Protein backbone atom coordinates (compact mmCIF):
# COMPACT_ATOMS: atom_id res chain seq x y z
CA UNK A 1 279.55 88.17 -64.74
CA UNK A 2 281.37 90.08 -67.39
CA UNK A 3 284.65 90.25 -65.43
CA UNK A 4 284.23 86.33 -65.04
CA UNK A 5 283.88 85.73 -68.58
CA UNK A 6 286.78 88.08 -69.36
CA UNK A 7 288.83 86.21 -66.99
CA UNK A 8 287.53 82.86 -68.55
CA UNK A 9 288.70 84.33 -71.69
CA UNK A 10 292.05 85.09 -70.68
CA UNK A 11 292.72 81.72 -69.15
CA UNK A 12 291.60 79.78 -72.16
CA UNK A 13 293.64 82.42 -74.57
CA UNK A 14 296.59 81.58 -72.35
CA UNK A 15 296.03 77.59 -72.42
CA UNK A 16 295.39 77.59 -76.52
CA UNK A 17 299.33 77.88 -76.71
CA UNK A 18 301.11 74.59 -76.55
CA UNK A 19 304.18 76.72 -75.41
CA UNK A 20 302.33 78.34 -72.59
CA UNK A 21 300.42 74.66 -72.05
CA UNK A 22 303.83 73.06 -71.61
CA UNK A 23 304.97 75.95 -69.28
CA UNK A 24 301.85 75.10 -67.13
CA UNK A 25 302.81 71.66 -67.12
CA UNK A 26 306.12 71.74 -65.90
CA UNK A 27 305.03 74.41 -63.03
CA UNK A 28 302.95 71.53 -61.94
CA UNK A 29 306.00 69.96 -60.50
CA UNK A 30 307.27 73.02 -58.66
CA UNK A 31 308.18 76.19 -59.15
CA UNK A 32 311.22 77.15 -61.52
CA UNK A 33 313.13 79.88 -62.58
CA UNK A 34 312.40 81.69 -66.05
CA UNK A 35 315.76 80.24 -67.36
CA UNK A 36 315.04 76.90 -66.23
CA UNK A 37 311.28 76.93 -68.21
CA UNK A 38 312.64 78.40 -71.25
CA UNK A 39 315.61 75.82 -71.38
CA UNK A 40 313.55 73.23 -73.26
CA UNK A 41 312.19 75.74 -75.90
CA UNK A 42 314.20 77.16 -78.99
CA UNK A 43 313.33 80.54 -78.82
CA UNK A 44 314.79 83.71 -77.56
CA UNK A 45 314.18 84.84 -74.02
CA UNK A 46 312.49 87.86 -75.00
CA UNK A 47 309.96 85.74 -76.91
CA UNK A 48 309.62 83.48 -74.14
CA UNK A 49 309.19 86.38 -71.67
CA UNK A 50 306.01 87.32 -73.83
CA UNK A 51 304.75 83.62 -72.99
CA UNK A 52 305.28 84.25 -69.25
CA UNK A 53 303.63 87.54 -69.36
CA UNK A 54 300.42 86.13 -70.94
CA UNK A 55 300.40 83.44 -67.95
CA UNK A 56 300.81 86.30 -65.58
CA UNK A 57 297.86 88.44 -67.01
CA UNK A 58 295.80 85.57 -67.10
CA UNK A 59 296.31 84.59 -63.40
CA UNK A 60 297.66 81.14 -64.22
CA UNK A 61 301.36 82.38 -63.09
CA UNK A 62 302.63 84.57 -60.35
CA UNK A 63 306.52 85.35 -60.54
CA UNK A 64 308.68 86.90 -58.01
CA UNK A 65 312.23 88.68 -58.97
CA UNK A 66 314.91 88.00 -56.47
CA UNK A 67 318.04 89.70 -57.69
CA UNK A 68 318.69 88.60 -61.14
CA UNK A 69 316.40 85.52 -61.07
CA UNK A 70 312.56 85.50 -61.70
CA UNK A 71 310.86 82.46 -60.18
CA UNK A 72 307.64 81.22 -61.43
CA UNK A 73 304.75 79.34 -59.92
CA UNK A 74 301.30 78.14 -60.67
CA UNK A 75 298.58 79.83 -59.36
CA UNK A 76 295.88 77.11 -59.77
CA UNK A 77 292.90 79.34 -58.11
CA UNK A 78 292.74 80.70 -61.98
CA UNK A 79 291.79 77.43 -63.26
CA UNK A 80 288.73 77.60 -60.74
CA UNK A 81 286.88 79.83 -63.11
CA UNK A 82 287.44 77.40 -66.09
CA UNK A 83 286.23 74.56 -63.84
CA UNK A 84 283.36 76.02 -63.06
CA UNK A 85 282.44 77.00 -66.45
CA UNK A 86 283.03 73.69 -67.28
CA UNK A 87 280.81 71.98 -64.51
CA UNK A 88 277.98 74.37 -65.64
CA UNK A 89 278.51 73.35 -69.24
CA UNK A 90 278.45 69.51 -68.35
CA UNK A 91 275.17 70.20 -66.25
CA UNK A 92 273.63 71.48 -69.14
CA UNK A 93 274.63 68.87 -71.59
CA UNK A 94 273.72 65.91 -68.98
CA UNK A 95 270.34 67.40 -68.51
CA UNK A 96 269.88 67.72 -72.65
CA UNK A 97 271.14 64.09 -72.85
CA UNK A 98 268.74 62.85 -70.05
CA UNK A 99 265.78 64.70 -71.85
CA UNK A 100 266.97 62.93 -75.35
CA UNK A 101 267.14 59.63 -73.89
CA UNK A 102 263.59 60.37 -72.21
CA UNK A 103 262.43 61.21 -75.77
CA UNK A 104 264.09 57.66 -77.44
CA UNK A 105 262.73 55.64 -74.89
CA UNK A 106 259.06 57.14 -75.52
CA UNK A 107 259.30 56.73 -79.23
CA UNK A 108 260.47 53.02 -78.72
CA UNK A 109 257.43 52.23 -76.52
CA UNK A 110 255.34 54.02 -79.14
CA UNK A 111 256.52 52.10 -81.84
CA UNK A 112 256.42 48.86 -79.81
CA UNK A 113 252.73 49.53 -79.17
CA UNK A 114 252.01 50.10 -83.10
CA UNK A 115 253.62 46.94 -83.88
CA UNK A 116 251.65 45.28 -81.25
CA UNK A 117 248.45 46.49 -82.55
CA UNK A 118 249.37 45.79 -86.11
CA UNK A 119 250.17 42.16 -85.83
CA UNK A 120 247.06 41.90 -83.32
CA UNK A 121 244.32 43.46 -85.97
CA UNK A 122 245.88 40.94 -88.79
CA UNK A 123 243.04 38.66 -90.18
CA UNK A 124 243.99 35.26 -89.86
CA UNK A 125 244.13 33.45 -93.18
CA UNK A 126 242.63 29.83 -92.49
CA UNK A 127 243.85 28.53 -95.83
CA UNK A 128 247.60 29.19 -94.50
CA UNK A 129 246.93 27.80 -91.13
CA UNK A 130 246.70 24.29 -91.73
CA UNK A 131 249.26 22.78 -93.93
CA UNK A 132 248.97 19.75 -95.85
CA UNK A 133 244.82 19.94 -95.87
């Protein structure tokens, strides 16, 4: 479990940066060379390579070097850890919201019952019952 949390931390840390999210989004369209990935960004190649390294360390991106060209591709399996975490959190919050809804409905019924007993126990004022008498 600790290893899974560490992996999850790495995935979230990698995706916390907008440049790395943009790289991941670009790789959703298919593999690309580092040069192609770096082209839209105004940064030096060594700085860009740090982003690639973070994505590789997190397991989000795989790269291969063929000659002088490094090609990157997305590894969607790394997102499974995050997806599992989100599904677990969603289940927890849905259960909490269901319990809260049940509680609110119970309170509404109790208030309605109190109002009903208050109105049925009111004494009837006979002077206001007939107008004009």
